[in-house]
Amino acid sequence: MLKRIFRPIAFSISVCCIVLTMIDCPRHVELFSYFTIQSNVFCLIMLLWGLKKEPPALLRGLATVCITLTFLVFHFLLHPADLTLDNLWNIKNMATTFAHYVVPAVVWIDYLFFTPKGNMRLSYPLKWLAYPLLYLAYLHFYKLAGGTFIVDGQVCRVPYFFLDTAVLGSGGVAVWCVIIASGFFALSYLFLLLDRLLSR
C-alpha cells in the first residue's frame, strides 16, 4: 500500500528535477552532457518503470550507484558556497538541490523500503563500470564537436574541474579519473554487499 503511494510521488519528484534543470539551463545538449543529469535520467527511467512493475536489478543498481556517486562528488568536491538554506528558493538552487540531494534520497528510500533484495549479481558492478567509461568517451567527442559548458558563469570545455587538462594536465586528470572510477567500482560492490545482507 505504501509503495503504491510512494512511487508516484517519487516519480513526480524526479520529473520536477528534470524540469527544473531544463528551465535553469535551456542549452539542453549541454545540460544532458552532465553526469549529474544523466544519472538523474537513469533514476527517472527506473522510477517510471517502477510504477508498473519492479525495474530490472541491473537498471536499479546502475541508477542507484550513479546517483549516489553524484551526491558524494557534489557534496564533498563541488558544493558551492552560495548554496545555503537562505537562498534555496530560486530555480538554480532548487534544481541543484533536487538533482544532488532530493532525488538521491528518494531513490534510496525506494530501494531500502520497497525494492526486493538479493537480485543483484556479482557481475553487475563490472557492467555498471562501463557507463562512467562511456561517459568519458562521450565527453571527448562532445569537446571535439565544439561542445562547451557554463560553469560558475564561465565558458568551459569540461563540466567538472577534475577533468580540466588545462589546469591539472593530462596526468592530473588521469589520476582523478582513476580515483573516481575506483570509487565508483568500490561503491558498486558495497551496494552489492548491502543488497545481499538485506536479502537475508
Protein backbone atom coordinates (compact mmCIF):
# COMPACT_ATOMS: atom_id res chain seq x y z
CA MET A 1 0.00 0.00 0.00
CA LEU A 2 2.74 2.45 0.97
CA LYS A 3 4.68 1.54 -2.16
CA ARG A 4 1.70 2.45 -4.35
CA ILE A 5 1.59 5.86 -2.68
CA PHE A 6 5.32 6.48 -2.56
CA ARG A 7 6.35 5.52 -6.08
CA PRO A 8 4.13 8.03 -7.95
CA ILE A 9 5.40 10.72 -5.56
CA ALA A 10 9.00 9.61 -6.18
CA PHE A 11 8.48 9.68 -9.93
CA SER A 12 6.89 13.15 -9.72
CA ILE A 13 9.89 14.41 -7.74
CA SER A 14 12.22 13.02 -10.41
CA VAL A 15 10.20 14.73 -13.16
CA CYS A 16 10.30 18.01 -11.21
CA CYS A 17 14.08 17.68 -11.00
CA ILE A 18 14.48 17.31 -14.76
CA VAL A 19 12.03 20.16 -15.46
CA LEU A 20 13.80 22.50 -13.02
CA THR A 21 17.20 21.74 -14.54
CA MET A 22 15.85 22.31 -18.06
CA ILE A 23 14.43 25.67 -17.00
CA ASP A 24 17.69 26.61 -15.32
CA CYS A 25 19.77 25.53 -18.32
CA PRO A 26 17.91 25.95 -21.64
CA ARG A 27 21.00 24.71 -23.53
CA HIS A 28 19.72 21.16 -23.44
CA VAL A 29 22.59 19.45 -25.28
CA GLU A 30 24.94 20.91 -22.68
CA LEU A 31 22.57 20.06 -19.84
CA PHE A 32 22.27 16.40 -20.74
CA SER A 33 26.04 16.16 -21.11
CA TYR A 34 26.49 16.41 -17.34
CA PHE A 35 26.98 13.14 -15.45
CA THR A 36 24.62 14.57 -12.83
CA ILE A 37 21.75 14.95 -15.27
CA GLN A 38 22.37 11.62 -16.97
CA SER A 39 22.31 9.87 -13.59
CA ASN A 40 19.04 11.64 -12.82
CA VAL A 41 17.64 10.44 -16.15
CA PHE A 42 18.55 6.86 -15.18
CA CYS A 43 16.61 7.41 -11.96
CA LEU A 44 13.65 8.85 -13.87
CA ILE A 45 13.53 5.79 -16.14
CA MET A 46 13.85 3.44 -13.17
CA LEU A 47 11.12 5.20 -11.18
CA LEU A 48 8.83 5.30 -14.23
CA TRP A 49 9.37 1.57 -14.70
CA GLY A 50 8.59 1.05 -11.02
CA LEU A 51 5.10 2.49 -11.41
CA LYS A 52 4.01 -0.73 -13.15
CA LYS A 53 6.45 -3.41 -12.03
CA GLU A 54 9.85 -3.83 -10.44
CA PRO A 55 12.66 -2.42 -12.60
CA PRO A 56 15.37 -4.88 -13.64
CA ALA A 57 18.03 -5.23 -10.96
CA LEU A 58 20.70 -4.18 -13.46
CA LEU A 59 18.94 -0.84 -14.07
CA ARG A 60 18.11 -0.40 -10.38
CA GLY A 61 21.74 -0.88 -9.42
CA LEU A 62 23.12 1.39 -12.14
CA ALA A 63 20.73 4.21 -11.28
CA THR A 64 21.36 3.86 -7.54
CA VAL A 65 25.14 3.74 -7.79
CA CYS A 66 25.27 6.63 -10.30
CA ILE A 67 23.01 8.90 -8.26
CA THR A 68 24.94 8.04 -5.09
CA LEU A 69 28.20 8.99 -6.80
CA THR A 70 26.53 12.19 -7.99
CA PHE A 71 25.62 13.06 -4.41
CA LEU A 72 29.05 12.19 -2.99
CA VAL A 73 31.08 14.07 -5.61
CA PHE A 74 28.86 17.13 -5.41
CA HIS A 75 28.68 17.22 -1.62
CA PHE A 76 32.38 16.70 -0.99
CA LEU A 77 34.04 18.22 -4.08
CA LEU A 78 31.71 20.60 -5.89
CA HIS A 79 29.27 22.04 -3.34
CA PRO A 80 29.08 25.81 -4.00
CA ALA A 81 29.42 28.13 -1.04
CA ASP A 82 26.31 30.08 -2.06
CA LEU A 83 24.02 27.03 -1.83
CA THR A 84 22.50 27.66 1.59
CA LEU A 85 19.07 27.46 3.14
CA ASP A 86 18.84 31.25 2.97
CA ASN A 87 18.86 31.35 -0.83
CA LEU A 88 17.49 27.93 -1.67
CA TRP A 89 14.27 29.20 -3.24
CA ASN A 90 15.38 30.16 -6.71
CA ILE A 91 15.32 28.00 -9.83
CA LYS A 92 19.07 27.38 -9.99
CA ASN A 93 19.47 26.33 -6.38
CA MET A 94 16.25 24.33 -6.37
CA ALA A 95 17.39 22.46 -9.48
CA THR A 96 20.78 21.82 -7.88
CA THR A 97 19.21 20.62 -4.64
CA PHE A 98 16.78 18.29 -6.37
CA ALA A 99 19.44 16.80 -8.65
CA HIS A 100 22.06 16.23 -5.95
CA TYR A 101 20.11 15.67 -2.74
CA VAL A 102 16.37 15.12 -3.15
CA VAL A 103 16.44 12.54 -5.95
CA PRO A 104 19.28 10.53 -4.34
CA ALA A 105 17.28 10.44 -1.09
CA VAL A 106 14.12 9.35 -2.91
CA VAL A 107 15.97 6.59 -4.79
CA TRP A 108 17.50 5.24 -1.60
CA ILE A 109 14.17 5.32 0.25
CA ASP A 110 12.58 3.42 -2.62
CA TYR A 111 15.38 0.86 -2.59
CA LEU A 112 15.51 0.34 1.17
CA PHE A 113 11.78 0.09 1.83
CA PHE A 114 10.08 -1.01 -1.39
CA THR A 115 12.56 -2.99 -3.51
CA PRO A 116 13.05 -6.77 -3.34
CA LYS A 117 16.59 -7.58 -2.24
CA GLY A 118 19.02 -10.26 -3.36
CA ASN A 119 18.65 -9.81 -7.12
CA MET A 120 21.99 -8.12 -7.76
CA ARG A 121 24.52 -10.38 -9.48
CA LEU A 122 28.25 -10.47 -8.86
CA SER A 123 28.90 -9.44 -12.47
CA TYR A 124 26.81 -6.27 -12.26
CA PRO A 125 29.48 -3.90 -10.88
CA LEU A 126 31.67 -4.60 -13.92
CA LYS A 127 28.71 -3.87 -16.20
CA TRP A 128 27.88 -0.69 -14.29
CA LEU A 129 31.50 0.46 -14.61
CA ALA A 130 31.06 0.57 -18.39
CA TYR A 131 28.83 3.63 -18.02
CA PRO A 132 31.34 6.13 -16.49
CA LEU A 133 33.92 4.92 -19.05
CA LEU A 134 31.45 5.53 -21.86
CA TYR A 135 30.66 8.92 -20.32
CA LEU A 136 34.32 9.94 -20.58
CA ALA A 137 34.35 8.82 -24.21
CA TYR A 138 31.19 10.86 -24.82
CA LEU A 139 32.78 13.96 -23.28
CA HIS A 140 35.77 13.56 -25.59
CA PHE A 141 33.56 13.58 -28.69
CA TYR A 142 31.41 16.37 -27.24
CA LYS A 143 34.54 18.54 -26.92
CA LEU A 144 35.71 17.60 -30.44
CA ALA A 145 32.31 18.72 -31.75
CA GLY A 146 32.84 22.11 -30.10
CA GLY A 147 30.62 21.49 -27.11
CA THR A 148 31.09 23.70 -24.07
CA PHE A 149 29.75 24.06 -20.54
CA ILE A 150 28.99 27.15 -18.50
CA VAL A 151 30.40 26.63 -15.02
CA ASP A 152 30.15 29.45 -12.46
CA GLY A 153 29.39 31.88 -15.27
CA GLN A 154 32.47 30.89 -17.27
CA VAL A 155 32.55 29.01 -20.57
CA CYS A 156 34.47 25.75 -20.04
CA ARG A 157 35.33 22.77 -22.19
CA VAL A 158 34.63 20.32 -19.36
CA PRO A 159 31.81 20.13 -16.78
CA TYR A 160 33.94 19.38 -13.70
CA PHE A 161 37.26 20.78 -12.50
CA PHE A 162 38.85 17.34 -12.14
CA LEU A 163 38.51 16.79 -15.91
CA ASP A 164 40.22 20.04 -16.90
CA THR A 165 43.56 19.23 -18.55
CA ALA A 166 44.28 22.94 -18.98
CA VAL A 167 44.52 23.26 -15.19
CA LEU A 168 45.55 19.81 -13.99
CA GLY A 169 47.37 18.49 -17.04
CA SER A 170 46.72 15.11 -18.61
CA GLY A 171 48.40 13.32 -15.72
CA GLY A 172 46.34 15.11 -13.10
CA VAL A 173 43.09 14.38 -14.92
CA ALA A 174 44.14 10.73 -15.33
CA VAL A 175 44.72 10.46 -11.58
CA TRP A 176 41.30 11.95 -10.84
CA CYS A 177 39.66 9.60 -13.35
CA VAL A 178 41.30 6.59 -11.71
CA ILE A 179 40.23 7.81 -8.26
CA ILE A 180 36.62 8.37 -9.27
CA ALA A 181 36.40 5.16 -11.33
CA SER A 182 37.83 3.24 -8.37
CA GLY A 183 35.34 4.93 -6.07
CA PHE A 184 32.51 4.03 -8.45
CA PHE A 185 33.69 0.41 -8.57
CA ALA A 186 34.05 0.20 -4.78
CA LEU A 187 30.65 1.82 -4.31
CA SER A 188 29.14 -0.73 -6.70
CA TYR A 189 30.45 -3.66 -4.69
CA LEU A 190 29.39 -2.05 -1.42
CA PHE A 191 25.89 -1.74 -2.84
CA LEU A 192 26.02 -5.37 -3.96
CA LEU A 193 27.13 -6.41 -0.47
CA LEU A 194 24.37 -4.35 1.15
CA ASP A 195 21.79 -5.91 -1.16
CA ARG A 196 22.91 -9.40 -0.17
CA LEU A 197 22.95 -8.59 3.52
CA LEU A 198 19.45 -7.11 3.39
CA SER A 199 18.17 -10.16 1.50
CA ARG A 200 18.89 -12.46 4.45
